[in-house]
Amino acid sequence: MRITNLNEKLQYEDVWVVAEMLLDKIHPVTYELLGAARALADYGASRVGVIVLCSKEPENPTDLFAFGADKVIIVTNPQLKGFLDETEAEIIIRLIEKYKPEIVLGAASSRGRALIPRIAVKANCGLTADCTELGIDFESGDLLQTRPAFGGNIMAIIRSPNHRPQMATVRPGVMKSITPDYSRKGEIIYEKAKLNNQAAFKRIIESITKEENAVNLTQAQIIIAGGRGVKGAEGFDLLRELAAKTGGAVGASRAAVDSGWIPYEHQIGQTGQTVQTGTYIACGISGQIQHLVGMQSSALIIAIDKNPDTPMMQMADIAVVGDLFEIIPALVREI
């Protein structure tokens, strides 16, 4: 909705998260979004709400309170089994019109990319996709939405001062969930689906869940990633040896994947996976912004490169200047 005066603007409050659901179970990215929503709400002294759409009563909805929610709005209906983006968008629009949230956050997943833009269009408001950072403007109170732009060459800060709600999607693995506090209490609200006749022309015959990829970078606590400096597919054998010794996983930059040295499922960055690992070891990666946005939230970043002036070496917590073909074997021997 377009805001024309201050009184209209003040009608909108609270930060909402659209829960990511998979087979009626709450996906972990929902807790990451709650961490971001909690920080935004605390800044503006507002509340955090979560919308849960599912075919039956969700398991442990009170866990959402532990991760920062103040209220949970649950809509259950057998027709919500699977994923019907048109139907879910209609439900969420009615809830937005009723409760008037100021901010709505969703996951930049395949599901979120289908659903959240529909909501934004129907709500006549802006949407910033694939945000890497969210904040609040000190003077206006507007949501500041940071995302890569122009092919990842710059970081743009976007705001929607004249429309409410303000909407953004965040890639899984970018935001951090808060430490759960299971003593927190909140309010559970049950709303009816009020489905229209859309189900008459579209129905889900079967849902097939893709098996987990063998390369599970999002769950790895240690990632050893290689870039152009690895010099070839044989160089990744060296990284795999270090990964085997440390219990880590092997990642890669886009340059290495485009060169055919390692499959795409290892790619980290704007056009690959986003990770939030404990230790990230970058080997021969210069650190273009497209790659940095996919791993910059890692707790400890170690970079190995001959050139001390690359962006990756500059941002690393530990920068090792030297030949990775000498340093990594030495690490393997030491371990």
Protein backbone atom coordinates (compact mmCIF):
# COMPACT_ATOMS: atom_id res chain seq x y z
CA MET A 1 0.00 0.00 0.00
CA ARG A 2 1.24 3.49 -0.81
CA ILE A 3 1.59 5.72 2.25
CA THR A 4 0.46 9.32 1.77
CA ASN A 5 0.72 10.68 5.30
CA LEU A 6 2.20 9.99 8.72
CA ASN A 7 -1.06 8.70 10.20
CA GLU A 8 -1.22 5.94 7.59
CA LYS A 9 2.40 5.05 8.25
CA LEU A 10 1.82 4.75 12.00
CA GLN A 11 -0.90 2.15 11.43
CA TYR A 12 1.78 -0.35 10.42
CA GLU A 13 3.89 -2.01 13.10
CA ASP A 14 5.68 -5.28 13.93
CA VAL A 15 8.09 -7.40 11.93
CA TRP A 16 6.75 -10.55 10.31
CA VAL A 17 8.47 -13.69 9.08
CA VAL A 18 6.83 -15.96 6.54
CA ALA A 19 7.80 -19.41 7.81
CA GLU A 20 9.46 -21.69 5.27
CA MET A 21 7.61 -25.00 5.43
CA LEU A 22 8.66 -28.36 4.03
CA LEU A 23 6.20 -31.24 4.37
CA ASP A 24 4.43 -29.37 7.19
CA LYS A 25 7.70 -28.98 9.11
CA ILE A 26 9.39 -25.67 9.86
CA HIS A 27 12.56 -25.29 7.80
CA PRO A 28 15.72 -24.12 9.69
CA VAL A 29 15.96 -20.95 7.57
CA THR A 30 12.87 -19.71 9.45
CA TYR A 31 14.96 -19.48 12.62
CA GLU A 32 17.63 -17.50 10.74
CA LEU A 33 14.96 -15.06 9.57
CA LEU A 34 13.68 -14.81 13.13
CA GLY A 35 17.14 -13.74 14.28
CA ALA A 36 17.09 -10.87 11.78
CA ALA A 37 13.49 -9.99 12.64
CA ARG A 38 14.26 -9.93 16.36
CA ALA A 39 17.12 -7.46 15.84
CA LEU A 40 14.93 -5.18 13.71
CA ALA A 41 12.01 -5.35 16.14
CA ASP A 42 14.18 -4.62 19.17
CA TYR A 43 15.50 -1.51 17.44
CA GLY A 44 11.98 -0.20 16.87
CA ALA A 45 10.45 -1.55 20.10
CA SER A 46 7.99 -3.65 18.10
CA ARG A 47 6.97 -7.30 18.08
CA VAL A 48 7.93 -10.26 15.92
CA GLY A 49 5.24 -12.35 14.26
CA VAL A 50 5.50 -15.57 12.26
CA ILE A 51 3.00 -16.79 9.65
CA VAL A 52 2.76 -20.59 9.46
CA LEU A 53 0.74 -22.11 6.59
CA CYS A 54 0.35 -25.90 6.64
CA SER A 55 -2.10 -28.73 6.02
CA LYS A 56 -2.21 -29.81 9.66
CA GLU A 57 -1.16 -28.60 13.11
CA PRO A 58 2.61 -27.93 12.95
CA GLU A 59 5.01 -29.69 15.29
CA ASN A 60 6.30 -27.65 18.24
CA PRO A 61 5.13 -24.18 17.13
CA THR A 62 6.18 -22.86 20.57
CA ASP A 63 9.83 -23.35 19.50
CA LEU A 64 9.33 -20.21 17.43
CA PHE A 65 8.98 -18.23 20.67
CA ALA A 66 12.34 -19.57 21.85
CA PHE A 67 13.97 -18.19 18.70
CA GLY A 68 12.51 -14.69 19.05
CA ALA A 69 8.86 -14.71 17.98
CA ASP A 70 6.24 -12.90 20.07
CA LYS A 71 3.22 -14.25 18.23
CA VAL A 72 2.58 -17.06 15.77
CA ILE A 73 -0.29 -16.92 13.28
CA ILE A 74 -1.22 -20.44 12.17
CA VAL A 75 -3.41 -21.26 9.17
CA THR A 76 -4.19 -24.93 8.59
CA ASN A 77 -6.13 -26.50 5.74
CA PRO A 78 -5.78 -29.85 3.94
CA GLN A 79 -5.45 -27.99 0.64
CA LEU A 80 -2.23 -26.38 1.89
CA LYS A 81 -0.40 -29.69 1.61
CA GLY A 82 2.42 -29.17 -0.85
CA PHE A 83 2.87 -25.68 -2.24
CA LEU A 84 0.31 -23.54 -4.07
CA ASP A 85 1.85 -20.10 -4.32
CA GLU A 86 -1.31 -18.37 -5.57
CA THR A 87 -3.36 -19.76 -2.67
CA GLU A 88 -0.77 -18.97 -0.02
CA ALA A 89 -0.33 -15.43 -1.38
CA GLU A 90 -4.07 -14.77 -1.09
CA ILE A 91 -4.07 -15.97 2.53
CA ILE A 92 -1.06 -13.87 3.50
CA ILE A 93 -2.47 -10.77 1.80
CA ARG A 94 -5.64 -11.05 3.90
CA LEU A 95 -3.51 -11.35 7.05
CA ILE A 96 -1.43 -8.31 6.06
CA GLU A 97 -4.58 -6.26 5.48
CA LYS A 98 -5.93 -7.34 8.86
CA TYR A 99 -2.84 -6.95 11.08
CA LYS A 100 -0.78 -4.36 9.09
CA PRO A 101 2.84 -5.45 9.69
CA GLU A 102 5.49 -2.84 8.96
CA ILE A 103 8.10 -5.34 7.68
CA VAL A 104 7.67 -8.78 6.09
CA LEU A 105 10.66 -11.10 5.64
CA GLY A 106 10.82 -14.31 3.62
CA ALA A 107 13.44 -16.80 2.52
CA ALA A 108 15.11 -16.38 -0.86
CA SER A 109 14.58 -20.08 -1.51
CA SER A 110 12.93 -21.58 -4.59
CA ARG A 111 9.66 -21.53 -2.65
CA GLY A 112 10.14 -18.00 -1.35
CA ARG A 113 11.07 -16.69 -4.78
CA ALA A 114 7.72 -17.92 -6.09
CA LEU A 115 5.62 -16.74 -3.15
CA ILE A 116 7.02 -13.46 -1.82
CA PRO A 117 6.93 -11.49 -5.12
CA ARG A 118 3.25 -12.41 -5.54
CA ILE A 119 2.54 -10.99 -2.09
CA ALA A 120 4.48 -7.79 -2.88
CA VAL A 121 2.51 -7.21 -6.09
CA LYS A 122 -0.85 -7.81 -4.40
CA ALA A 123 0.14 -5.56 -1.48
CA ASN A 124 1.33 -2.81 -3.87
CA CYS A 125 4.68 -2.49 -2.17
CA GLY A 126 8.35 -2.91 -3.00
CA LEU A 127 10.46 -6.03 -2.56
CA THR A 128 14.23 -6.34 -2.22
CA ALA A 129 15.42 -9.85 -3.03
CA ASP A 130 18.51 -11.73 -1.85
CA CYS A 131 19.44 -9.32 0.93
CA THR A 132 22.75 -9.87 2.68
CA GLU A 133 22.14 -7.32 5.45
CA LEU A 134 19.15 -5.59 7.05
CA GLY A 135 19.04 -2.53 9.26
CA ILE A 136 16.89 0.41 10.35
CA ASP A 137 17.51 4.02 9.36
CA PHE A 138 18.06 6.04 12.52
CA GLU A 139 16.12 9.12 11.38
CA SER A 140 13.19 7.79 9.35
CA GLY A 141 12.81 4.31 10.82
CA ASP A 142 12.77 2.84 7.29
CA LEU A 143 14.12 -0.62 6.62
CA LEU A 144 17.60 -0.54 5.02
CA GLN A 145 17.99 -3.50 2.68
CA THR A 146 21.49 -4.31 1.42
CA ARG A 147 22.05 -6.58 -1.57
CA PRO A 148 24.58 -7.08 -4.40
CA ALA A 149 23.85 -5.11 -7.57
CA PHE A 150 25.26 -4.80 -11.10
CA GLY A 151 26.36 -8.42 -11.20
CA GLY A 152 27.67 -8.25 -7.65
CA ASN A 153 30.14 -5.46 -8.37
CA ILE A 154 28.62 -3.11 -5.79
CA MET A 155 26.46 -3.39 -2.68
CA ALA A 156 23.24 -1.37 -2.94
CA ILE A 157 21.20 -0.12 0.02
CA ILE A 158 17.50 0.02 -0.85
CA ARG A 159 14.57 1.48 1.07
CA SER A 160 10.82 1.82 0.51
CA PRO A 161 9.84 4.99 2.38
CA ASN A 162 6.42 5.42 0.77
CA HIS A 163 5.00 1.90 0.89
CA ARG A 164 4.02 -0.54 3.61
CA PRO A 165 4.75 -3.24 4.40
CA GLN A 166 8.43 -3.19 3.53
CA MET A 167 9.36 -6.58 2.12
CA ALA A 168 12.67 -8.40 1.73
CA THR A 169 13.94 -11.92 1.12
CA VAL A 170 17.14 -13.31 2.59
CA ARG A 171 19.17 -16.23 1.30
CA PRO A 172 19.49 -19.25 3.62
CA GLY A 173 22.76 -19.18 5.53
CA VAL A 174 23.17 -15.38 5.52
CA MET A 175 21.53 -14.41 8.81
CA LYS A 176 22.23 -15.97 12.19
CA SER A 177 19.57 -17.37 14.49
CA ILE A 178 19.66 -16.27 18.10
CA THR A 179 20.48 -18.58 21.00
CA PRO A 180 17.10 -20.14 21.83
CA ASP A 181 15.45 -19.25 25.13
CA TYR A 182 12.81 -21.91 25.79
CA SER A 183 11.41 -19.94 28.73
CA ARG A 184 10.03 -17.30 26.32
CA LYS A 185 6.26 -17.26 25.91
CA GLY A 186 4.10 -15.81 23.20
CA GLU A 187 0.68 -15.71 21.60
CA ILE A 188 -0.65 -18.28 19.13
CA ILE A 189 -3.41 -17.04 16.80
CA TYR A 190 -5.41 -19.40 14.59
CA GLU A 191 -6.84 -17.96 11.38
CA LYS A 192 -9.05 -19.62 8.77
CA ALA A 193 -7.72 -20.19 5.29
CA LYS A 194 -10.84 -18.85 3.47
CA LEU A 195 -9.80 -20.46 0.21
CA ASN A 196 -11.33 -19.23 -3.02
CA ASN A 197 -11.95 -21.20 -6.19
CA GLN A 198 -8.28 -21.23 -7.26
CA ALA A 199 -7.98 -24.84 -6.12
CA ALA A 200 -10.50 -25.80 -8.81
CA PHE A 201 -8.02 -25.25 -11.66
CA LYS A 202 -4.79 -26.28 -9.98
CA ARG A 203 -3.97 -29.14 -7.66
CA ILE A 204 -0.87 -31.01 -6.57
CA ILE A 205 -0.91 -34.64 -7.68
CA GLU A 206 2.36 -35.67 -6.06
CA SER A 207 5.21 -34.01 -4.17
CA ILE A 208 8.72 -35.37 -4.64
CA THR A 209 11.36 -34.21 -2.19
CA LYS A 210 14.85 -34.03 -3.62
CA GLU A 211 17.36 -36.11 -1.71
CA GLU A 212 20.00 -34.24 0.21
CA ASN A 213 23.02 -33.48 -1.92
CA ALA A 214 26.18 -35.33 -0.95
CA VAL A 215 27.90 -31.93 -0.82
CA ASN A 216 26.25 -30.48 2.28
CA LEU A 217 28.14 -27.21 2.59
CA THR A 218 25.47 -25.47 4.67
CA GLN A 219 25.94 -27.94 7.53
CA ALA A 220 29.75 -28.17 7.40
CA GLN A 221 31.64 -26.66 10.32
CA ILE A 222 34.87 -26.44 8.32
CA ILE A 223 35.06 -25.58 4.62
CA ILE A 224 38.23 -25.63 2.55
CA ALA A 225 37.50 -23.66 -0.62
CA GLY A 226 39.59 -23.27 -3.73
CA GLY A 227 39.72 -20.63 -6.42
CA ARG A 228 41.70 -19.81 -9.51
CA GLY A 229 44.92 -20.13 -7.52
CA VAL A 230 44.39 -23.89 -7.15
CA LYS A 231 45.37 -24.03 -10.85
CA GLY A 232 43.38 -27.10 -11.83
CA ALA A 233 41.33 -30.14 -10.86
CA GLU A 234 44.44 -31.76 -9.34
CA GLY A 235 44.72 -28.88 -6.91
CA PHE A 236 41.31 -29.75 -5.47
CA ASP A 237 42.64 -33.23 -4.65
CA LEU A 238 44.96 -31.45 -2.24
CA LEU A 239 42.01 -29.60 -0.67
CA ARG A 240 40.06 -32.86 -0.35
CA GLU A 241 42.99 -34.35 1.53
CA LEU A 242 42.93 -31.47 4.03
CA ALA A 243 39.14 -31.74 4.29
CA ALA A 244 39.40 -35.45 5.06
CA LYS A 245 41.89 -34.73 7.84
CA THR A 246 39.75 -32.00 9.42
CA GLY A 247 36.27 -33.44 8.86
CA GLY A 248 35.49 -30.54 6.56
CA ALA A 249 33.88 -30.06 3.16
CA VAL A 250 35.34 -28.74 -0.08
CA GLY A 251 33.96 -25.55 -1.61
CA ALA A 252 34.90 -23.51 -4.64
CA SER A 253 34.67 -20.11 -6.24
CA ARG A 254 32.75 -19.55 -9.47
CA ALA A 255 36.01 -19.21 -11.39
CA ALA A 256 37.03 -22.74 -10.42
CA VAL A 257 33.61 -24.15 -11.29
CA ASP A 258 33.46 -22.31 -14.64
CA SER A 259 36.89 -23.74 -15.46
CA GLY A 260 35.49 -27.25 -15.02
CA TRP A 261 37.78 -28.14 -12.15
CA ILE A 262 34.98 -29.07 -9.73
CA PRO A 263 31.18 -29.58 -10.03
CA TYR A 264 28.73 -26.72 -9.52
CA GLU A 265 27.30 -28.11 -6.23
CA HIS A 266 30.57 -27.02 -4.57
CA GLN A 267 30.18 -23.38 -5.68
CA ILE A 268 29.90 -20.74 -2.96
CA GLY A 269 28.78 -17.19 -3.64
CA GLN A 270 26.01 -15.11 -5.12
CA THR A 271 25.23 -17.70 -7.81
CA GLY A 272 26.05 -20.70 -5.61
CA GLN A 273 25.47 -21.67 -2.00
CA THR A 274 25.57 -19.32 0.97
CA VAL A 275 27.40 -20.73 3.99
CA GLN A 276 27.81 -19.68 7.60
CA THR A 277 30.47 -22.09 8.75
CA GLY A 278 32.71 -22.12 11.81
CA THR A 279 35.99 -22.05 9.89
CA TYR A 280 36.37 -21.04 6.24
CA ILE A 281 39.76 -21.64 4.63
CA ALA A 282 40.08 -19.82 1.29
CA CYS A 283 42.87 -21.19 -0.88
CA GLY A 284 43.87 -19.10 -3.87
CA ILE A 285 40.60 -17.14 -3.90
CA SER A 286 41.00 -13.45 -4.72
CA GLY A 287 37.68 -12.54 -3.08
CA GLN A 288 35.40 -10.93 -5.64
CA ILE A 289 32.25 -9.55 -4.03
CA GLN A 290 30.13 -12.27 -5.68
CA HIS A 291 32.04 -14.84 -3.63
CA LEU A 292 32.30 -12.80 -0.44
CA VAL A 293 28.53 -12.45 -0.07
CA GLY A 294 28.30 -16.24 0.10
CA MET A 295 30.75 -16.78 2.97
CA GLN A 296 31.36 -13.50 4.79
CA SER A 297 29.24 -14.54 7.79
CA SER A 298 31.63 -17.39 8.67
CA ALA A 299 32.95 -17.21 12.23
CA LEU A 300 36.65 -17.59 11.34
CA ILE A 301 38.07 -16.83 7.89
CA ILE A 302 41.56 -18.03 6.96
CA ALA A 303 43.03 -17.06 3.59
CA ILE A 304 46.07 -18.56 1.88
CA ASP A 305 47.49 -16.68 -1.11
CA LYS A 306 50.76 -15.41 -2.54
CA ASN A 307 49.26 -11.94 -2.97
CA PRO A 308 48.62 -10.18 0.38
CA ASP A 309 46.57 -7.41 -1.27
CA THR A 310 43.56 -9.40 -2.52
CA PRO A 311 40.13 -8.59 -1.02
CA MET A 312 39.98 -12.05 0.59
CA MET A 313 43.36 -11.58 2.29
CA GLN A 314 42.33 -8.15 3.48
CA MET A 315 39.07 -9.36 5.09
CA ALA A 316 40.45 -12.60 6.54
CA ASP A 317 40.91 -13.03 10.27
CA ILE A 318 44.14 -14.90 9.50
CA ALA A 319 45.95 -14.19 6.23
CA VAL A 320 48.76 -16.59 5.32
CA VAL A 321 51.05 -15.23 2.61
CA GLY A 322 52.64 -18.08 0.72
CA ASP A 323 52.31 -20.94 -1.75
CA LEU A 324 49.22 -23.04 -0.97
CA PHE A 325 50.95 -26.05 -2.60
CA GLU A 326 53.54 -25.88 0.18
CA ILE A 327 51.32 -24.73 3.06
CA ILE A 328 48.47 -27.24 2.71
CA PRO A 329 50.72 -30.35 2.59
CA ALA A 330 52.49 -29.00 5.68
CA LEU A 331 49.11 -28.66 7.43
CA VAL A 332 48.16 -32.20 6.44
CA ARG A 333 51.45 -33.58 7.80
CA GLU A 334 51.05 -31.64 11.04
CA ILE A 335 47.49 -32.85 11.59
